[in-house]
Protein backbone atom coordinates (compact mmCIF):
# COMPACT_ATOMS: atom_id res chain seq x y z
CA UNK A 1 197.05 133.22 87.04
CA UNK A 2 193.50 134.64 87.51
CA UNK A 3 190.72 133.92 85.15
CA UNK A 4 187.68 136.21 85.39
CA UNK A 5 184.27 135.44 84.11
CA UNK A 6 182.01 138.45 83.96
CA UNK A 7 177.77 138.68 83.85
CA UNK A 8 177.32 139.23 79.98
CA UNK A 9 176.21 142.59 79.31
CA UNK A 10 174.26 142.43 76.41
CA UNK A 11 170.22 142.51 77.16
CA UNK A 12 168.83 139.07 76.55
CA UNK A 13 171.84 137.09 76.73
CA UNK A 14 171.41 134.67 79.28
CA UNK A 15 174.69 132.06 78.34
CA UNK A 16 177.84 131.98 80.69
CA UNK A 17 181.06 131.84 79.66
CA UNK A 18 182.21 128.67 82.80
CA UNK A 19 180.12 126.66 84.21
CA UNK A 20 180.98 124.93 87.87
CA UNK A 21 182.00 122.11 85.70
CA UNK A 22 184.66 123.97 83.70
CA UNK A 23 185.85 125.54 86.58
CA UNK A 24 186.82 122.28 88.16
CA UNK A 25 188.31 121.85 84.98
CA UNK A 26 190.57 124.89 84.88
CA UNK A 27 191.25 125.04 88.58
CA UNK A 28 192.26 121.39 88.13
CA UNK A 29 195.08 122.96 85.78
CA UNK A 30 196.59 125.33 88.23
CA UNK A 31 194.31 128.55 87.33
CA UNK A 32 192.55 130.46 89.86
CA UNK A 33 188.83 131.50 88.78
CA UNK A 34 186.88 134.22 89.87
CA UNK A 35 183.28 134.54 88.90
CA UNK A 36 180.82 137.92 88.94
CA UNK A 37 178.03 137.20 91.48
CA UNK A 38 175.17 136.09 89.31
CA UNK A 39 177.09 135.39 86.10
CA UNK A 40 175.46 132.02 85.77
CA UNK A 41 172.12 132.47 87.42
CA UNK A 42 170.30 133.02 83.60
CA UNK A 43 171.74 129.80 82.71
CA UNK A 44 170.44 127.68 86.00
CA UNK A 45 174.00 127.83 87.31
CA UNK A 46 173.66 129.59 91.24
CA UNK A 47 176.71 131.18 92.81
CA UNK A 48 176.78 128.38 95.43
CA UNK A 49 177.98 126.03 92.70
CA UNK A 50 180.54 128.47 91.66
CA UNK A 51 181.86 128.61 94.94
CA UNK A 52 181.59 124.80 95.65
CA UNK A 53 183.62 124.25 92.43
CA UNK A 54 186.45 126.17 93.69
CA UNK A 55 185.80 129.58 92.25
CA UNK A 56 186.00 133.00 93.83
CA UNK A 57 182.81 135.08 93.71
CA UNK A 58 183.19 138.74 93.42
CA UNK A 59 180.32 141.53 93.74
CA UNK A 60 181.80 143.39 90.55
CA UNK A 61 184.72 141.67 88.39
CA UNK A 62 188.07 143.76 88.72
CA UNK A 63 188.51 143.89 84.91
CA UNK A 64 191.87 145.46 85.59
CA UNK A 65 193.44 142.62 87.68
CA UNK A 66 192.28 139.75 85.85
CA UNK A 67 195.02 138.03 83.59
CA UNK A 68 192.12 135.98 81.42
CA UNK A 69 188.64 137.10 80.75
CA UNK A 70 186.26 134.94 79.60
CA UNK A 71 183.28 136.08 77.50
CA UNK A 72 180.63 135.14 75.64
CA UNK A 73 179.23 137.79 73.50
CA UNK A 74 181.66 140.25 71.84
CA UNK A 75 182.97 142.89 74.29
CA UNK A 76 182.30 146.31 74.27
CA UNK A 77 184.85 149.09 73.49
CA UNK A 78 184.86 150.56 76.91
CA UNK A 79 185.47 146.87 78.46
CA UNK A 80 188.31 146.21 76.14
CA UNK A 81 189.77 149.69 76.95
CA UNK A 82 189.50 148.76 80.91
CA UNK A 83 191.81 145.69 80.23
CA UNK A 84 195.47 145.90 80.93
CA UNK A 85 198.35 145.13 78.58
CA UNK A 86 199.11 141.17 78.21
CA UNK A 87 195.26 140.24 79.25
CA UNK A 88 193.82 137.08 77.32
CA UNK A 89 190.51 137.42 76.58
CA UNK A 90 188.64 133.92 75.03
CA UNK A 91 184.92 134.45 73.56
CA UNK A 92 182.82 135.61 70.62
CA UNK A 93 184.30 138.51 68.87
CA UNK A 94 182.32 139.33 65.50
CA UNK A 95 185.47 140.99 64.21
CA UNK A 96 183.89 141.84 61.03
CA UNK A 97 181.43 144.06 62.44
CA UNK A 98 182.80 145.05 65.83
CA UNK A 99 185.82 146.87 64.68
CA UNK A 100 185.73 149.46 67.28
CA UNK A 101 186.27 146.58 70.16
CA UNK A 102 188.95 144.98 67.88
CA UNK A 103 190.62 148.54 67.73
CA UNK A 104 190.68 149.01 71.52
CA UNK A 105 191.63 145.26 72.09
CA UNK A 106 194.81 145.77 69.83
CA UNK A 107 195.44 149.37 71.51
CA UNK A 108 195.51 148.10 74.52
CA UNK A 109 197.85 145.34 73.99
CA UNK A 110 195.52 142.52 74.88
CA UNK A 111 195.80 139.24 73.33
CA UNK A 112 192.28 138.38 72.17
CA UNK A 113 191.12 135.01 70.92
CA UNK A 114 187.80 134.67 68.96
CA UNK A 115 186.10 131.34 68.67
CA UNK A 116 184.76 132.46 65.09
CA UNK A 117 188.30 131.89 63.96
CA UNK A 118 189.37 128.27 65.41
CA UNK A 119 190.47 126.46 62.32
CA UNK A 120 188.39 123.84 61.44
CA UNK A 121 190.44 120.75 61.72
CA UNK A 122 189.47 117.57 63.90
CA UNK A 123 191.87 118.26 66.78
CA UNK A 124 190.09 121.36 67.20
CA UNK A 125 186.37 120.30 67.37
CA UNK A 126 186.46 120.46 71.16
CA UNK A 127 186.99 123.93 71.23
CA UNK A 128 184.17 124.70 68.03
CA UNK A 129 181.94 126.93 69.63
CA UNK A 130 180.26 127.97 66.01
CA UNK A 131 179.23 124.04 65.59
CA UNK A 132 178.16 123.42 69.62
CA UNK A 133 175.84 126.86 69.71
CA UNK A 134 174.70 126.19 65.69
CA UNK A 135 173.38 122.71 67.23
CA UNK A 136 171.51 124.50 69.81
CA UNK A 137 170.02 127.18 67.08
CA UNK A 138 168.82 124.24 64.68
CA UNK A 139 166.65 122.91 67.43
CA UNK A 140 165.09 125.80 68.42
CA UNK A 141 164.43 126.99 65.25
CA UNK A 142 162.12 123.79 64.77
CA UNK A 143 160.34 124.28 67.89
CA UNK A 144 159.80 127.94 67.43
CA UNK A 145 158.44 126.95 63.78
CA UNK A 146 155.84 124.51 65.53
CA UNK A 147 155.11 126.83 68.51
CA UNK A 148 153.76 129.78 65.55
CA UNK A 149 152.11 127.01 62.69
CA UNK A 150 148.63 126.59 62.89
CA UNK A 151 148.79 122.57 62.22
CA UNK A 152 150.16 119.63 63.35
CA UNK A 153 153.77 118.37 62.48
CA UNK A 154 153.19 114.52 62.00
CA UNK A 155 150.55 112.48 59.99
CA UNK A 156 147.63 111.54 61.62
CA UNK A 157 145.38 108.73 60.36
CA UNK A 158 142.08 108.76 62.37
CA UNK A 159 138.40 107.62 62.32
CA UNK A 160 137.62 111.41 61.66
CA UNK A 161 139.86 111.55 58.53
CA UNK A 162 144.08 111.73 57.51
CA UNK A 163 145.85 114.55 58.68
CA UNK A 164 148.90 114.79 56.27
CA UNK A 165 152.19 115.89 57.79
CA UNK A 166 153.80 119.24 57.43
CA UNK A 167 156.21 120.01 54.67
CA UNK A 168 159.46 121.29 56.25
CA UNK A 169 162.33 122.63 53.93
CA UNK A 170 165.69 123.56 55.21
CA UNK A 171 168.19 125.77 53.49
CA UNK A 172 171.67 125.10 54.66
CA UNK A 173 172.65 121.77 55.72
CA UNK A 174 175.62 122.39 58.13
CA UNK A 175 175.41 121.89 61.75
CA UNK A 176 172.13 123.96 62.79
CA UNK A 177 170.42 122.69 59.09
CA UNK A 178 171.27 119.13 60.31
CA UNK A 179 170.22 119.64 63.65
CA UNK A 180 166.54 121.18 62.45
CA UNK A 181 166.48 118.59 59.99
CA UNK A 182 166.44 115.67 62.62
CA UNK A 183 164.29 117.67 64.94
CA UNK A 184 161.71 118.29 62.54
CA UNK A 185 161.81 114.62 61.31
CA UNK A 186 161.35 113.60 65.38
CA UNK A 187 158.32 115.65 65.20
CA UNK A 188 156.61 113.77 62.47
CA UNK A 189 157.69 116.23 59.96
CA UNK A 190 158.05 115.67 55.67
CA UNK A 191 161.81 117.28 55.63
CA UNK A 192 163.94 118.18 52.39
CA UNK A 193 166.76 120.06 52.42
CA UNK A 194 169.37 121.75 50.09
CA UNK A 195 172.89 122.97 50.40
CA UNK A 196 175.03 124.32 47.63
CA UNK A 197 177.66 121.86 48.51
CA UNK A 198 176.78 118.68 46.96
CA UNK A 199 178.72 116.39 49.63
CA UNK A 200 175.74 117.53 52.17
CA UNK A 201 173.35 115.22 50.40
CA UNK A 202 174.65 112.23 52.09
CA UNK A 203 174.35 113.90 55.56
CA UNK A 204 170.89 115.40 54.79
CA UNK A 205 169.99 111.64 54.16
CA UNK A 206 171.36 110.40 57.30
CA UNK A 207 169.41 112.65 59.05
CA UNK A 208 166.23 111.09 57.18
CA UNK A 209 165.68 114.02 54.93
CA UNK A 210 165.30 114.43 51.25
CA UNK A 211 168.37 116.42 49.45
CA UNK A 212 166.94 118.85 46.88
CA UNK A 213 170.21 119.25 44.32
CA UNK A 214 169.83 122.31 42.12
CA UNK A 215 172.80 121.29 39.86
CA UNK A 216 174.35 124.89 40.48
CA UNK A 217 177.92 124.75 38.53
CA UNK A 218 181.25 125.57 39.95
CA UNK A 219 183.05 125.20 43.17
CA UNK A 220 180.66 125.60 46.28
CA UNK A 221 182.68 124.67 49.09
CA UNK A 222 184.92 127.63 50.47
CA UNK A 223 187.64 127.64 53.29
CA UNK A 224 187.14 125.38 56.15
CA UNK A 225 184.41 123.60 55.02
CA UNK A 226 181.84 126.74 54.57
CA UNK A 227 179.66 127.30 51.77
CA UNK A 228 181.20 129.48 49.44
CA UNK A 229 179.57 132.69 48.83
CA UNK A 230 177.80 132.57 45.48
CA UNK A 231 178.59 135.37 42.73
CA UNK A 232 175.06 137.52 41.89
CA UNK A 233 174.33 135.36 38.98
CA UNK A 234 174.56 131.78 40.37
CA UNK A 235 172.58 133.26 43.64
CA UNK A 236 169.97 134.59 41.24
CA UNK A 237 169.89 131.25 39.50
CA UNK A 238 169.82 129.53 42.97
CA UNK A 239 166.65 131.67 44.02
CA UNK A 240 164.67 130.87 40.73
CA UNK A 241 165.43 127.13 41.39
CA UNK A 242 164.47 127.28 45.15
CA UNK A 243 161.22 129.16 44.16
CA UNK A 244 158.71 126.12 43.58
CA UNK A 245 159.98 124.48 46.67
CA UNK A 246 159.88 127.30 48.84
CA UNK A 247 156.47 127.59 47.57
CA UNK A 248 155.66 124.18 48.59
CA UNK A 249 156.89 124.57 51.89
CA UNK A 250 154.72 124.77 55.10
CA UNK A 251 157.59 125.21 57.29
CA UNK A 252 161.14 127.16 55.80
CA UNK A 253 164.27 127.21 58.01
CA UNK A 254 166.92 129.09 56.50
CA UNK A 255 170.51 128.54 58.20
CA UNK A 256 173.15 129.70 55.55
CA UNK A 257 175.69 132.17 56.85
CA UNK A 258 179.43 133.13 56.53
CA UNK A 259 181.71 133.78 59.18
CA UNK A 260 182.34 137.25 59.24
CA UNK A 261 180.35 138.35 56.48
CA UNK A 262 176.80 139.11 55.44
CA UNK A 263 174.24 136.38 55.29
CA UNK A 264 173.46 135.42 51.84
CA UNK A 265 170.15 136.37 50.39
CA UNK A 266 168.45 132.81 49.60
CA UNK A 267 164.87 133.88 49.31
CA UNK A 268 163.42 137.05 48.09
CA UNK A 269 159.80 139.01 49.08
CA UNK A 270 158.37 137.45 46.10
CA UNK A 271 159.26 133.53 47.15
CA UNK A 272 157.67 134.41 50.14
CA UNK A 273 154.28 135.65 48.49
CA UNK A 274 153.97 132.52 46.85
CA UNK A 275 153.87 130.44 50.25
CA UNK A 276 150.47 129.48 51.53
CA UNK A 277 148.67 131.06 54.14
CA UNK A 278 149.80 129.76 57.52
CA UNK A 279 153.35 128.89 56.37
CA UNK A 280 156.22 130.07 58.64
CA UNK A 281 159.70 130.95 57.89
CA UNK A 282 162.62 131.10 60.83
CA UNK A 283 165.49 132.61 59.55
CA UNK A 284 168.38 131.73 61.93
CA UNK A 285 170.82 134.18 59.92
CA UNK A 286 168.41 137.18 60.66
CA UNK A 287 171.11 138.76 63.27
CA UNK A 288 173.87 138.86 60.35
CA UNK A 289 171.57 140.26 57.54
CA UNK A 290 169.08 137.53 57.02
CA UNK A 291 168.41 134.62 54.43
CA UNK A 292 165.13 136.07 53.65
CA UNK A 293 164.16 139.61 52.26
CA UNK A 294 161.90 141.50 54.71
CA UNK A 295 163.15 139.54 58.05
CA UNK A 296 163.66 141.55 60.74
CA UNK A 297 165.94 139.86 63.88
CA UNK A 298 164.30 139.42 66.83
CA UNK A 299 160.83 140.24 65.69
CA UNK A 300 157.64 138.35 63.81
CA UNK A 301 156.79 139.66 60.63
CA UNK A 302 153.42 138.86 58.97
CA UNK A 303 153.55 138.99 55.43
CA UNK A 304 149.95 139.25 53.71
CA UNK A 305 149.25 136.39 51.09
CA UNK A 306 146.10 135.12 49.91
CA UNK A 307 144.02 134.02 52.52
CA UNK A 308 146.13 135.10 55.42
CA UNK A 309 149.32 135.61 56.23
CA UNK A 310 152.93 133.94 55.85
CA UNK A 311 155.16 134.61 59.48
CA UNK A 312 158.63 135.62 59.00
CA UNK A 313 160.52 135.06 62.36
CA UNK A 314 163.96 136.55 62.41
CA UNK A 315 165.35 133.95 65.21
CA UNK A 316 167.85 136.25 67.54
CA UNK A 317 169.46 134.97 70.29
CA UNK A 318 168.49 131.60 69.70
CA UNK A 319 171.25 129.57 71.24
CA UNK A 320 170.37 131.79 74.50
CA UNK A 321 167.08 130.79 74.67
CA UNK A 322 168.21 127.45 75.54
CA UNK A 323 170.80 129.21 77.95
CA UNK A 324 171.67 126.17 80.45
CA UNK A 325 172.66 123.31 77.60
CA UNK A 326 174.18 126.13 75.40
CA UNK A 327 176.35 127.45 77.95
CA UNK A 328 177.57 123.58 79.10
CA UNK A 329 178.53 123.12 75.42
CA UNK A 330 180.28 126.89 74.81
CA UNK A 331 182.04 126.75 78.32
CA UNK A 332 183.48 123.67 77.16
CA UNK A 333 184.83 124.97 74.05
CA UNK A 334 186.50 127.73 76.17
CA UNK A 335 187.87 125.94 78.59
CA UNK A 336 189.57 123.36 76.10
CA UNK A 337 191.07 126.20 74.18
CA UNK A 338 192.32 127.94 77.30
CA UNK A 339 193.55 124.20 78.51
CA UNK A 340 195.52 124.19 75.18
CA UNK A 341 197.58 127.40 76.26
CA UNK A 342 198.04 126.38 79.58
CA UNK A 343 201.17 124.86 80.95
CA UNK A 344 202.04 124.75 84.84
CA UNK A 345 199.14 127.01 85.83
CA UNK A 346 200.11 129.66 83.71
CA UNK A 347 198.43 130.77 80.18
CA UNK A 348 201.33 130.77 77.60
CA UNK A 349 199.89 130.80 74.23
CA UNK A 350 202.22 129.13 71.66
CA UNK A 351 201.86 130.66 68.45
CA UNK A 352 203.26 128.05 66.28
CA UNK A 353 200.07 125.88 67.15
CA UNK A 354 197.75 126.17 64.19
CA UNK A 355 195.05 126.25 66.47
CA UNK A 356 196.25 128.89 68.86
CA UNK A 357 197.61 130.75 65.88
CA UNK A 358 194.56 130.85 63.64
CA UNK A 359 192.35 131.67 66.69
CA UNK A 360 194.11 134.81 67.63
CA UNK A 361 192.56 138.11 66.53
CA UNK A 362 194.85 140.66 68.40
CA UNK A 363 198.53 140.23 70.33
CA UNK A 364 201.24 142.74 71.09
CA UNK A 365 199.62 145.70 69.69
CA UNK A 366 198.58 144.60 66.32
CA UNK A 367 195.47 142.83 64.79
CA UNK A 368 197.17 139.70 63.71
CA UNK A 369 193.81 138.13 61.48
CA UNK A 370 194.81 139.13 58.36
CA UNK A 371 191.03 139.60 56.85
CA UNK A 372 189.93 141.86 59.88
CA UNK A 373 193.38 143.99 59.94
CA UNK A 374 192.84 144.50 55.78
CA UNK A 375 188.96 145.51 56.93
CA UNK A 376 190.42 147.84 59.15
CA UNK A 377 193.23 149.49 56.79
CA UNK A 378 190.52 149.79 54.08
CA UNK A 379 188.17 151.78 56.53
CA UNK A 380 190.94 154.30 57.70
């Protein structure tokens, strides 16, 4: 069966869905790989390395003839419509916001697997692209903050005086948040963090951070280990309790997100206005609405405060900015999921397997993911 890897179509996207390493893995399973020329250039993987790994190079990927299409960003509707019935796709799908593409995939009889839907269970960890890309994003968030912050991160004690360490506050202690904590600590900052899941306290401490317990009542953990979306009353109380910690921070990094939903609002404009001049806010959830009021995805927004400004950074394409390592991780997630469905050189999804069934978005002309199907029905 022929597996195709196309150049990503979204402007600014530098990652690639397969690397020479995963080409070797998949050809070893009896699959044939066709890679569109230049697909890996921006991630540091030239055509020559794909060819040496056993892939065929094509000036333009023949969408109508591939059996499997691997991708990073959600497919545009016209690409989905160009695939023949029975084609398998694997990649991020953003089903909640890309309903026209979901409709095109279902109408075309495409079997689409969305990496956002991979169950968060131990045997699926090697296929968990949300986690692997969050690792990259959390690291990148701290570097972006350090570049914009007008002071040092670490403590310096010199003959000319003592420079105190920067105070970093991380909101959300998932994979991205924990990586941000660890990176900020390695740069010498004093780091604190909050997550509505009390169980995160030990993980924050293991990375060298100080956990801020807001003592919110009620369940905080939702399906798959993600944080539960708070009701408005609890969310307002959370913001009120966070306000003094935000005001004390030099760097604020927000990472809270709920897959397929708008990001929760954690920090209001009034809370930002209470920060000191020169402070930096990096919002990793900017592309899904943002955790911080006033943030704009892909832009730096200066907010006037007494004595200067606070910089709001709506981090966009965070993982793509570190395209080489992000692609290595992502491509391995994709290859591992495809390998799970490959038997004797043929891709044969077993829908009795909870990983395969859980990750499937569309199949046989229908939308299989219940949440997406309900959303589409409500909008029709």
